[in-house]
Amino acid sequence: MKIAIASGKGGTGKTTLATNLASFLSESRETVLVDLDVEEPNSGLFIKGELFFQTDKFKMVPKWEKENCILCGNCQKVCNFNAIIKLPDHVMVFSKLCHSCYACSELCSTKSLPMQPEKIGALKHYKTNSLNFVESKLDVGQEQAVPLISQTKKYVDEQFQKKVIKIFDSPPGTSCPVIEATKNADFVILVTEPTPFGLYDLKLAVETMRELGNKTGVVINRYGIGNDDVIDYCRKEKIDILARISNDRKIAELYSQGKLIYKDNSEFRFQLEKISDYLFLREA
């Protein structure tokens, strides 16, 4: 079962829920937590384990070889991402814009644009008891998170059987990295807060997940502040509210210390139990 945890905006408590839910589920089931927020992964602040495997990750980009090039300009015409510009006596390749579609390379009549690997980041896999933790981090200066997210998901699918619970800590927002992280998920948990900003971004996230055909549920974090507009919206849209996590100072203190909250807070644990019951009743 693949469970993606996402949010329409940053700072709603997405990583807090992902790390605590993964650790909680691992007490009774083999679980994998995957940090797909590759531009700023921080699940590792809360999950500790022994390093099991690490590797660099690459994407393929064209390299111009001028010896055989006839400067026909076809490479520039077929590139949909403006990653190649043909000058009077030179071809410029902007690797940061390249989407590795191979069009320029495959359609070059003189084979003057062979594809070569370029490092984009690194993947690390940690183990602790029945919880596996996988995170990837994009190199500084790299502009595309999607290739690294895709490769990380592929690694997880290859390493773990389908029966293993997979929790994907997704990037915030509704842009391409979020779509890549949540597509093909069995269920998406959207974390929000009961404020006007929370509601606005929740609506964007719900619309995005519906376009992808994903089944969703909502967790309201910092419950007790703001108003009931989020609850009213979920009722109107027939979206299940899986849990309501109180705006509790003790939770904030445990979070600030880098601790898993449910181990020291019975109310938080109870909310995780509600989420677990909902998910596995759906699976049954």
Protein backbone atom coordinates (compact mmCIF):
# COMPACT_ATOMS: atom_id res chain seq x y z
CA MET A 1 0.00 0.00 0.00
CA LYS A 2 1.40 3.36 -1.06
CA ILE A 3 0.30 6.27 1.12
CA ALA A 4 1.40 9.75 0.08
CA ILE A 5 1.26 12.57 2.61
CA ALA A 6 0.96 15.96 0.94
CA SER A 7 -0.22 19.50 1.57
CA GLY A 8 -1.17 22.51 -0.48
CA LYS A 9 1.35 24.65 1.37
CA GLY A 10 4.47 24.26 3.48
CA GLY A 11 4.48 24.27 7.26
CA THR A 12 1.22 22.39 7.84
CA GLY A 13 2.81 19.44 9.66
CA LYS A 14 3.22 17.06 6.74
CA THR A 15 6.62 15.71 7.81
CA THR A 16 5.47 15.52 11.44
CA LEU A 17 2.60 13.26 10.40
CA ALA A 18 4.69 11.22 7.95
CA THR A 19 7.47 10.39 10.42
CA ASN A 20 5.17 9.61 13.33
CA LEU A 21 2.72 7.56 11.24
CA ALA A 22 5.52 5.53 9.66
CA SER A 23 7.13 4.78 13.01
CA PHE A 24 3.75 3.94 14.55
CA LEU A 25 2.81 1.55 11.73
CA SER A 26 6.24 -0.11 11.89
CA GLU A 27 5.41 -1.36 15.39
CA SER A 28 3.06 -3.92 13.80
CA ARG A 29 3.94 -3.98 10.08
CA GLU A 30 7.03 -3.70 7.91
CA THR A 31 7.03 -0.07 6.80
CA VAL A 32 9.09 2.17 4.53
CA LEU A 33 9.24 5.93 4.99
CA VAL A 34 10.39 7.74 1.83
CA ASP A 35 11.30 11.43 1.97
CA LEU A 36 10.48 12.73 -1.51
CA ASP A 37 10.87 16.40 -0.58
CA VAL A 38 14.27 16.17 -2.25
CA GLU A 39 14.96 19.90 -2.29
CA GLU A 40 14.77 20.08 1.49
CA PRO A 41 14.44 16.61 3.08
CA ASN A 42 14.00 16.74 6.85
CA SER A 43 12.39 13.44 7.87
CA GLY A 44 15.89 12.38 8.90
CA LEU A 45 15.74 14.83 11.79
CA PHE A 46 13.22 12.52 13.46
CA ILE A 47 14.08 9.04 12.12
CA LYS A 48 17.42 7.54 13.12
CA GLY A 49 18.85 4.31 11.77
CA GLU A 50 21.88 2.50 10.48
CA LEU A 51 23.02 3.41 6.99
CA PHE A 52 22.33 0.41 4.77
CA PHE A 53 22.97 1.75 1.27
CA GLN A 54 23.84 4.98 -0.51
CA THR A 55 24.39 5.96 -4.11
CA ASP A 56 24.67 9.00 -6.34
CA LYS A 57 21.87 9.69 -8.80
CA PHE A 58 22.21 11.00 -12.35
CA LYS A 59 20.17 12.26 -15.27
CA MET A 60 21.17 12.01 -18.92
CA VAL A 61 21.97 15.24 -20.80
CA PRO A 62 23.37 15.85 -24.29
CA LYS A 63 26.97 16.89 -24.86
CA TRP A 64 27.78 18.73 -28.09
CA GLU A 65 30.59 17.24 -30.18
CA LYS A 66 31.53 19.80 -32.83
CA GLU A 67 33.66 17.53 -35.02
CA ASN A 68 30.79 16.11 -37.06
CA CYS A 69 28.15 18.79 -36.41
CA ILE A 70 26.86 20.55 -39.53
CA LEU A 71 24.99 23.22 -37.49
CA CYS A 72 21.66 22.36 -39.11
CA GLY A 73 19.72 23.62 -36.09
CA ASN A 74 17.39 20.62 -35.91
CA CYS A 75 18.30 20.04 -32.25
CA GLN A 76 17.01 23.48 -31.34
CA LYS A 77 13.79 22.90 -33.27
CA VAL A 78 12.92 19.59 -31.58
CA CYS A 79 13.73 20.69 -28.02
CA ASN A 80 10.51 21.68 -26.23
CA PHE A 81 12.36 22.98 -23.18
CA ASN A 82 14.74 25.54 -24.73
CA ALA A 83 17.70 23.54 -23.46
CA ILE A 84 19.60 23.87 -26.76
CA ILE A 85 20.46 26.96 -28.76
CA LYS A 86 22.19 26.88 -32.16
CA LEU A 87 24.51 29.84 -32.73
CA PRO A 88 26.25 30.60 -36.05
CA ASP A 89 29.31 28.54 -35.12
CA HIS A 90 28.35 26.79 -31.90
CA VAL A 91 25.65 24.76 -30.14
CA MET A 92 24.96 25.63 -26.51
CA VAL A 93 23.46 23.04 -24.15
CA PHE A 94 21.76 24.20 -20.94
CA SER A 95 21.79 21.01 -18.88
CA LYS A 96 19.67 22.47 -16.07
CA LEU A 97 16.78 22.91 -18.52
CA CYS A 98 17.16 19.46 -20.09
CA HIS A 99 14.37 16.96 -19.38
CA SER A 100 16.33 13.95 -20.73
CA CYS A 101 13.81 13.28 -23.49
CA TYR A 102 16.58 12.22 -25.92
CA ALA A 103 14.88 14.00 -28.86
CA CYS A 104 17.90 16.10 -29.81
CA SER A 105 20.27 13.16 -29.53
CA GLU A 106 18.13 10.60 -31.36
CA LEU A 107 17.18 12.98 -34.17
CA CYS A 108 20.66 14.36 -34.79
CA SER A 109 21.69 13.17 -38.28
CA THR A 110 25.41 13.38 -37.44
CA LYS A 111 25.20 11.92 -33.90
CA SER A 112 26.78 15.09 -32.52
CA LEU A 113 24.74 15.14 -29.28
CA PRO A 114 25.46 11.91 -27.37
CA MET A 115 23.73 11.64 -24.00
CA GLN A 116 25.96 11.59 -20.94
CA PRO A 117 25.23 11.28 -17.20
CA GLU A 118 25.17 14.35 -14.96
CA LYS A 119 24.98 13.97 -11.16
CA ILE A 120 21.82 15.49 -9.70
CA GLY A 121 21.80 14.21 -6.14
CA ALA A 122 22.21 11.29 -3.76
CA LEU A 123 20.02 8.57 -2.24
CA LYS A 124 20.47 7.05 1.22
CA HIS A 125 18.71 4.04 2.76
CA TYR A 126 18.64 3.55 6.54
CA LYS A 127 17.32 0.63 8.58
CA THR A 128 15.98 0.47 12.11
CA ASN A 129 14.08 -2.65 13.27
CA SER A 130 11.00 -3.00 11.02
CA LEU A 131 11.21 0.57 9.70
CA ASN A 132 13.19 1.39 6.57
CA PHE A 133 13.91 5.02 5.79
CA VAL A 134 14.88 6.22 2.31
CA GLU A 135 15.74 9.81 1.51
CA SER A 136 17.14 11.61 -1.52
CA LYS A 137 18.70 15.05 -1.64
CA LEU A 138 19.04 17.24 -4.71
CA ASP A 139 22.45 18.77 -5.29
CA VAL A 140 22.78 22.53 -4.81
CA GLY A 141 22.23 24.31 -8.14
CA GLN A 142 20.04 21.60 -9.65
CA GLU A 143 16.67 22.98 -10.72
CA GLN A 144 14.62 19.84 -11.43
CA ALA A 145 13.40 17.70 -8.57
CA VAL A 146 11.21 15.37 -10.66
CA PRO A 147 13.99 13.10 -12.04
CA LEU A 148 15.35 12.43 -8.54
CA ILE A 149 11.87 11.82 -7.12
CA SER A 150 11.15 9.37 -9.94
CA GLN A 151 14.41 7.48 -9.40
CA THR A 152 13.80 7.32 -5.65
CA LYS A 153 10.34 5.81 -6.14
CA LYS A 154 11.80 3.30 -8.58
CA TYR A 155 14.43 2.26 -6.01
CA VAL A 156 11.73 1.72 -3.37
CA ASP A 157 9.57 -0.35 -5.74
CA GLU A 158 12.56 -2.54 -6.63
CA GLN A 159 13.68 -3.06 -3.03
CA PHE A 160 10.38 -3.71 -1.29
CA GLN A 161 7.48 -6.04 -1.97
CA LYS A 162 4.01 -4.72 -2.64
CA LYS A 163 2.72 -5.87 0.75
CA VAL A 164 5.11 -3.50 2.56
CA ILE A 165 3.52 -0.22 3.70
CA LYS A 166 5.14 2.71 1.91
CA ILE A 167 4.74 6.22 3.31
CA PHE A 168 5.76 8.99 0.89
CA ASP A 169 6.57 12.33 2.52
CA SER A 170 5.81 14.54 -0.48
CA PRO A 171 6.96 18.07 -1.33
CA PRO A 172 4.55 20.90 -0.45
CA GLY A 173 2.39 22.70 -3.00
CA THR A 174 0.76 21.49 -6.20
CA SER A 175 3.57 21.73 -8.77
CA CYS A 176 5.36 19.03 -10.79
CA PRO A 177 7.35 17.52 -7.87
CA VAL A 178 4.11 16.93 -5.94
CA ILE A 179 2.45 15.34 -8.95
CA GLU A 180 5.42 13.00 -9.44
CA ALA A 181 5.47 12.10 -5.73
CA THR A 182 1.75 11.36 -5.44
CA LYS A 183 0.86 9.78 -8.79
CA ASN A 184 0.04 6.07 -8.55
CA ALA A 185 -0.45 6.35 -4.78
CA ASP A 186 -3.18 4.15 -3.32
CA PHE A 187 -4.24 6.95 -1.00
CA VAL A 188 -3.22 10.56 -0.36
CA ILE A 189 -3.47 12.18 3.05
CA LEU A 190 -3.73 15.96 2.76
CA VAL A 191 -2.54 17.81 5.85
CA THR A 192 -4.06 21.23 6.44
CA GLU A 193 -4.74 23.74 9.19
CA PRO A 194 -8.06 25.45 10.07
CA THR A 195 -7.17 28.89 8.73
CA PRO A 196 -8.11 30.83 5.57
CA PHE A 197 -4.66 30.13 4.12
CA GLY A 198 -4.98 26.45 5.00
CA LEU A 199 -8.38 26.19 3.34
CA TYR A 200 -7.28 28.01 0.19
CA ASP A 201 -4.28 25.73 -0.34
CA LEU A 202 -6.29 22.63 0.61
CA LYS A 203 -8.71 23.40 -2.22
CA LEU A 204 -5.81 23.57 -4.69
CA ALA A 205 -4.43 20.28 -3.40
CA VAL A 206 -7.84 18.55 -3.62
CA GLU A 207 -8.31 19.74 -7.21
CA THR A 208 -4.85 18.46 -8.13
CA MET A 209 -5.43 15.03 -6.58
CA ARG A 210 -8.78 14.73 -8.34
CA GLU A 211 -7.11 15.45 -11.67
CA LEU A 212 -4.70 12.59 -10.91
CA GLY A 213 -7.56 10.31 -9.87
CA ASN A 214 -6.17 9.88 -6.34
CA LYS A 215 -8.37 8.99 -3.38
CA THR A 216 -7.87 11.46 -0.55
CA GLY A 217 -8.56 12.13 3.09
CA VAL A 218 -7.73 15.13 5.28
CA VAL A 219 -5.89 15.52 8.55
CA ILE A 220 -6.43 18.84 10.33
CA ASN A 221 -3.34 19.93 12.23
CA ARG A 222 -3.33 22.65 14.91
CA TYR A 223 -7.02 21.94 15.45
CA GLY A 224 -8.55 24.56 17.73
CA ILE A 225 -7.23 27.68 16.05
CA GLY A 226 -9.01 29.49 13.23
CA ASN A 227 -12.54 28.42 12.37
CA ASP A 228 -14.62 25.51 11.01
CA ASP A 229 -14.41 26.45 7.32
CA VAL A 230 -12.12 23.50 6.54
CA ILE A 231 -14.57 21.10 8.19
CA ASP A 232 -17.50 22.61 6.29
CA TYR A 233 -15.57 22.34 3.01
CA CYS A 234 -14.73 18.67 3.60
CA ARG A 235 -18.35 17.88 4.39
CA LYS A 236 -19.53 19.69 1.27
CA GLU A 237 -16.98 17.90 -0.93
CA LYS A 238 -17.56 14.54 0.82
CA ILE A 239 -13.91 14.25 1.89
CA ASP A 240 -13.27 12.17 4.99
CA ILE A 241 -11.51 13.87 7.91
CA LEU A 242 -9.19 11.17 9.24
CA ALA A 243 -7.87 12.95 12.33
CA ARG A 244 -7.78 16.25 14.16
CA ILE A 245 -4.46 17.03 15.86
CA SER A 246 -4.86 19.62 18.61
CA ASN A 247 -2.92 22.86 18.75
CA ASP A 248 -0.98 21.65 21.80
CA ARG A 249 2.16 23.26 23.22
CA LYS A 250 3.45 19.84 24.34
CA ILE A 251 3.38 18.64 20.73
CA ALA A 252 5.36 21.70 19.64
CA GLU A 253 7.93 21.11 22.39
CA LEU A 254 8.47 17.47 21.41
CA TYR A 255 8.74 18.48 17.75
CA SER A 256 11.33 21.15 18.52
CA GLN A 257 13.43 18.52 20.31
CA GLY A 258 13.39 16.24 17.25
CA LYS A 259 11.32 13.58 19.03
CA LEU A 260 8.55 11.35 17.70
CA ILE A 261 5.46 12.82 19.30
CA TYR A 262 3.20 9.79 19.63
CA LYS A 263 5.64 8.05 21.98
CA ASP A 264 5.16 10.74 24.63
CA ASN A 265 1.68 12.04 23.82
CA SER A 266 -1.30 9.72 24.19
CA GLU A 267 -3.72 12.02 22.35
CA PHE A 268 -1.42 12.18 19.31
CA ARG A 269 -1.10 8.39 19.38
CA PHE A 270 -4.88 8.09 19.46
CA GLN A 271 -5.12 10.21 16.29
CA LEU A 272 -2.59 7.95 14.56
CA GLU A 273 -4.67 4.92 15.56
CA LYS A 274 -7.71 6.52 13.91
CA ILE A 275 -5.74 7.07 10.70
CA SER A 276 -4.41 3.50 10.78
CA ASP A 277 -7.87 2.03 11.33
CA TYR A 278 -9.25 4.05 8.43
CA LEU A 279 -6.48 3.05 6.04
CA PHE A 280 -6.56 -0.64 6.75
CA LEU A 281 -10.30 -0.91 6.79
CA ARG A 282 -10.13 0.55 3.26
CA GLU A 283 -7.46 -1.99 2.34
CA ALA A 284 -9.58 -4.85 3.68
